[in-house]
């Protein structure tokens, strides 16, 4: 998996969530650990989105788990 681009963590409770830029170590294990912490033993949900690359429309991200593709508005991301 290519982890060179921007990585965004989306997490929340219910249907409401927020986006944060991931600044941690760039490994699959480190991202999984961050998602586990965000999920707080099942009280919350979390997903990681990885920048798709230049062959896609700007601000397009792949789901870390490999089952989605979406555009994320940069204004929605907390830095």
N, C-alpha and C. Protein backbone atom coordinates (compact mmCIF):
# COMPACT_ATOMS: atom_id res chain seq x y z
N UNK A 1 0.85 -1.18 0.00
CA UNK A 1 0.00 0.00 0.00
C UNK A 1 0.89 1.25 0.00
N UNK A 2 0.57 2.19 -0.86
CA UNK A 2 1.35 3.43 -0.98
C UNK A 2 0.90 4.41 0.11
N UNK A 3 1.79 4.73 1.03
CA UNK A 3 1.47 5.64 2.14
C UNK A 3 2.22 6.96 2.02
N UNK A 4 2.57 7.34 0.80
CA UNK A 4 3.37 8.55 0.60
C UNK A 4 2.55 9.83 0.63
N UNK A 5 1.29 9.79 0.22
CA UNK A 5 0.47 10.99 0.16
C UNK A 5 -0.11 11.36 1.51
N UNK A 6 -0.97 12.34 1.49
CA UNK A 6 -1.65 12.80 2.70
C UNK A 6 -2.54 11.69 3.25
N UNK A 7 -2.58 11.55 4.57
CA UNK A 7 -3.45 10.57 5.22
C UNK A 7 -4.37 11.34 6.16
N UNK A 8 -5.67 11.04 6.06
CA UNK A 8 -6.67 11.72 6.88
C UNK A 8 -7.42 10.68 7.70
N UNK A 9 -7.60 10.97 8.98
CA UNK A 9 -8.38 10.11 9.88
C UNK A 9 -9.76 10.73 10.03
N UNK A 10 -10.78 9.94 9.78
CA UNK A 10 -12.16 10.36 9.98
C UNK A 10 -12.70 9.55 11.15
N UNK A 11 -13.25 10.23 12.17
CA UNK A 11 -13.78 9.51 13.32
C UNK A 11 -14.96 10.26 13.91
N UNK A 12 -15.77 9.53 14.67
CA UNK A 12 -16.91 10.17 15.29
C UNK A 12 -17.82 9.21 16.00
N UNK A 13 -18.98 9.71 16.38
CA UNK A 13 -20.02 8.93 17.03
C UNK A 13 -21.30 9.12 16.23
N UNK A 14 -22.12 8.09 16.15
CA UNK A 14 -23.33 8.19 15.35
C UNK A 14 -22.97 8.46 13.90
N UNK A 15 -23.68 9.38 13.27
CA UNK A 15 -23.41 9.70 11.87
C UNK A 15 -22.48 10.90 11.71
N UNK A 16 -22.19 11.60 12.79
CA UNK A 16 -21.36 12.79 12.74
C UNK A 16 -19.90 12.41 12.96
N UNK A 17 -19.03 12.94 12.14
CA UNK A 17 -17.61 12.67 12.29
C UNK A 17 -16.79 13.89 11.93
N UNK A 18 -15.50 13.80 12.21
CA UNK A 18 -14.60 14.89 11.87
C UNK A 18 -13.37 14.32 11.18
N UNK A 19 -12.65 15.17 10.47
CA UNK A 19 -11.44 14.78 9.74
C UNK A 19 -10.23 15.44 10.39
N UNK A 20 -9.16 14.67 10.55
CA UNK A 20 -7.90 15.18 11.07
C UNK A 20 -6.77 14.65 10.21
N UNK A 21 -5.76 15.47 9.96
CA UNK A 21 -4.59 15.01 9.22
C UNK A 21 -3.78 14.08 10.13
N UNK A 22 -3.38 12.94 9.58
CA UNK A 22 -2.56 11.98 10.32
C UNK A 22 -1.10 12.36 10.14
N UNK A 23 -0.41 12.57 11.25
CA UNK A 23 1.00 12.97 11.21
C UNK A 23 1.92 11.92 11.81
N UNK A 24 1.38 10.75 12.14
CA UNK A 24 2.16 9.70 12.78
C UNK A 24 3.04 8.93 11.80
N UNK A 25 3.60 7.85 12.30
CA UNK A 25 4.47 6.99 11.51
C UNK A 25 3.71 6.44 10.31
N UNK A 26 4.36 6.36 9.18
CA UNK A 26 3.72 5.91 7.94
C UNK A 26 3.90 4.42 7.73
N UNK A 27 3.18 3.66 8.54
CA UNK A 27 3.15 2.21 8.35
C UNK A 27 1.72 1.74 8.57
N UNK A 28 1.37 0.62 7.97
CA UNK A 28 0.02 0.09 8.13
C UNK A 28 -0.28 -0.19 9.60
N UNK A 29 0.68 -0.74 10.31
CA UNK A 29 0.48 -1.05 11.74
C UNK A 29 0.22 0.22 12.55
N UNK A 30 0.98 1.27 12.31
CA UNK A 30 0.80 2.52 13.06
C UNK A 30 -0.59 3.12 12.79
N UNK A 31 -1.04 3.05 11.55
CA UNK A 31 -2.36 3.58 11.22
C UNK A 31 -3.44 2.74 11.90
N UNK A 32 -3.29 1.43 11.88
CA UNK A 32 -4.26 0.55 12.56
C UNK A 32 -4.32 0.86 14.06
N UNK A 33 -3.18 1.09 14.68
CA UNK A 33 -3.17 1.43 16.11
C UNK A 33 -3.89 2.75 16.37
N UNK A 34 -3.69 3.73 15.51
CA UNK A 34 -4.39 5.01 15.66
C UNK A 34 -5.90 4.82 15.53
N UNK A 35 -6.33 4.02 14.56
CA UNK A 35 -7.75 3.77 14.37
C UNK A 35 -8.35 3.05 15.58
N UNK A 36 -7.60 2.13 16.15
CA UNK A 36 -8.06 1.41 17.35
C UNK A 36 -8.25 2.38 18.51
N UNK A 37 -7.30 3.30 18.70
CA UNK A 37 -7.45 4.31 19.76
C UNK A 37 -8.66 5.20 19.52
N UNK A 38 -8.85 5.61 18.28
CA UNK A 38 -9.98 6.47 17.93
C UNK A 38 -11.32 5.78 18.20
N UNK A 39 -11.37 4.47 18.02
CA UNK A 39 -12.63 3.73 18.17
C UNK A 39 -13.03 3.56 19.64
N UNK A 40 -12.16 3.81 20.57
CA UNK A 40 -12.46 3.80 22.01
C UNK A 40 -13.29 2.58 22.44
N UNK A 41 -12.81 1.40 22.14
CA UNK A 41 -13.46 0.15 22.56
C UNK A 41 -14.90 0.04 22.06
N UNK A 42 -15.16 0.51 20.86
CA UNK A 42 -16.48 0.37 20.26
C UNK A 42 -17.42 1.53 20.48
N UNK A 43 -17.01 2.54 21.24
CA UNK A 43 -17.88 3.69 21.49
C UNK A 43 -17.92 4.65 20.29
N UNK A 44 -16.91 4.56 19.41
CA UNK A 44 -16.81 5.45 18.27
C UNK A 44 -16.44 4.64 17.03
N UNK A 45 -16.48 5.27 15.88
CA UNK A 45 -16.01 4.63 14.65
C UNK A 45 -14.88 5.48 14.07
N UNK A 46 -14.05 4.85 13.25
CA UNK A 46 -12.92 5.57 12.65
C UNK A 46 -12.52 4.92 11.33
N UNK A 47 -12.09 5.75 10.40
CA UNK A 47 -11.59 5.29 9.11
C UNK A 47 -10.37 6.14 8.74
N UNK A 48 -9.49 5.55 7.97
CA UNK A 48 -8.34 6.30 7.45
C UNK A 48 -8.51 6.42 5.94
N UNK A 49 -8.19 7.60 5.42
CA UNK A 49 -8.27 7.89 3.99
C UNK A 49 -6.89 8.28 3.51
N UNK A 50 -6.45 7.68 2.39
CA UNK A 50 -5.11 7.91 1.86
C UNK A 50 -5.22 8.59 0.49
N UNK A 51 -4.47 9.66 0.31
CA UNK A 51 -4.53 10.42 -0.93
C UNK A 51 -4.32 9.50 -2.14
N UNK A 52 -5.21 9.63 -3.13
CA UNK A 52 -5.23 8.70 -4.26
C UNK A 52 -4.09 8.91 -5.25
N UNK A 53 -3.66 10.13 -5.46
CA UNK A 53 -2.56 10.36 -6.38
C UNK A 53 -2.94 11.22 -7.56
N UNK A 54 -1.96 11.56 -8.39
CA UNK A 54 -2.18 12.54 -9.47
C UNK A 54 -3.11 12.05 -10.58
N UNK A 55 -3.32 10.75 -10.70
CA UNK A 55 -4.20 10.25 -11.77
C UNK A 55 -5.68 10.41 -11.44
N UNK A 56 -5.98 10.88 -10.22
CA UNK A 56 -7.36 11.11 -9.79
C UNK A 56 -7.62 12.61 -9.62
N UNK A 57 -8.89 12.96 -9.52
CA UNK A 57 -9.27 14.34 -9.26
C UNK A 57 -8.67 14.78 -7.93
N UNK A 58 -8.27 16.03 -7.84
CA UNK A 58 -7.67 16.57 -6.61
C UNK A 58 -8.58 16.31 -5.41
N UNK A 59 -7.99 16.03 -4.27
CA UNK A 59 -8.68 15.76 -3.00
C UNK A 59 -9.46 14.45 -3.01
N UNK A 60 -9.04 13.49 -3.84
CA UNK A 60 -9.64 12.16 -3.86
C UNK A 60 -8.79 11.24 -2.99
N UNK A 61 -9.45 10.43 -2.17
CA UNK A 61 -8.78 9.56 -1.21
C UNK A 61 -9.33 8.14 -1.29
N UNK A 62 -8.43 7.15 -1.09
CA UNK A 62 -8.81 5.75 -0.97
C UNK A 62 -9.05 5.43 0.50
N UNK A 63 -10.01 4.57 0.75
CA UNK A 63 -10.22 4.06 2.10
C UNK A 63 -9.06 3.14 2.45
N UNK A 64 -8.48 3.29 3.62
CA UNK A 64 -7.37 2.47 4.08
C UNK A 64 -7.71 0.99 4.03
N UNK A 65 -8.97 0.65 4.31
CA UNK A 65 -9.42 -0.75 4.30
C UNK A 65 -9.71 -1.25 2.89
N UNK A 66 -9.59 -0.38 1.88
CA UNK A 66 -9.69 -0.79 0.50
C UNK A 66 -11.09 -0.93 -0.06
N UNK A 67 -12.10 -0.41 0.61
CA UNK A 67 -13.46 -0.60 0.09
C UNK A 67 -14.16 0.70 -0.24
N UNK A 68 -13.42 1.74 -0.54
CA UNK A 68 -14.08 2.99 -0.87
C UNK A 68 -13.15 4.00 -1.51
N UNK A 69 -13.75 4.99 -2.14
CA UNK A 69 -13.05 6.09 -2.77
C UNK A 69 -13.94 7.30 -2.60
N UNK A 70 -13.39 8.42 -2.17
CA UNK A 70 -14.20 9.62 -1.96
C UNK A 70 -13.37 10.88 -2.12
N UNK A 71 -14.06 11.98 -2.32
CA UNK A 71 -13.44 13.29 -2.35
C UNK A 71 -13.68 13.93 -0.98
N UNK A 72 -12.63 14.51 -0.41
CA UNK A 72 -12.72 15.16 0.90
C UNK A 72 -12.41 16.64 0.69
N UNK A 73 -13.33 17.48 1.09
CA UNK A 73 -13.16 18.93 1.00
C UNK A 73 -12.08 19.36 2.00
N UNK A 74 -11.01 20.03 1.56
CA UNK A 74 -9.95 20.45 2.48
C UNK A 74 -10.45 21.34 3.61
N UNK A 75 -11.53 22.07 3.40
CA UNK A 75 -12.08 22.93 4.45
C UNK A 75 -12.67 22.14 5.61
N UNK A 76 -12.98 20.86 5.39
CA UNK A 76 -13.55 20.00 6.43
C UNK A 76 -12.50 19.35 7.32
N UNK A 77 -11.21 19.51 6.96
CA UNK A 77 -10.12 18.83 7.66
C UNK A 77 -9.51 19.76 8.70
N UNK A 78 -9.45 19.28 9.97
CA UNK A 78 -8.78 20.01 11.04
C UNK A 78 -7.29 19.76 10.95
N UNK A 79 -6.52 20.83 11.03
CA UNK A 79 -5.06 20.67 10.94
C UNK A 79 -4.41 20.79 12.28
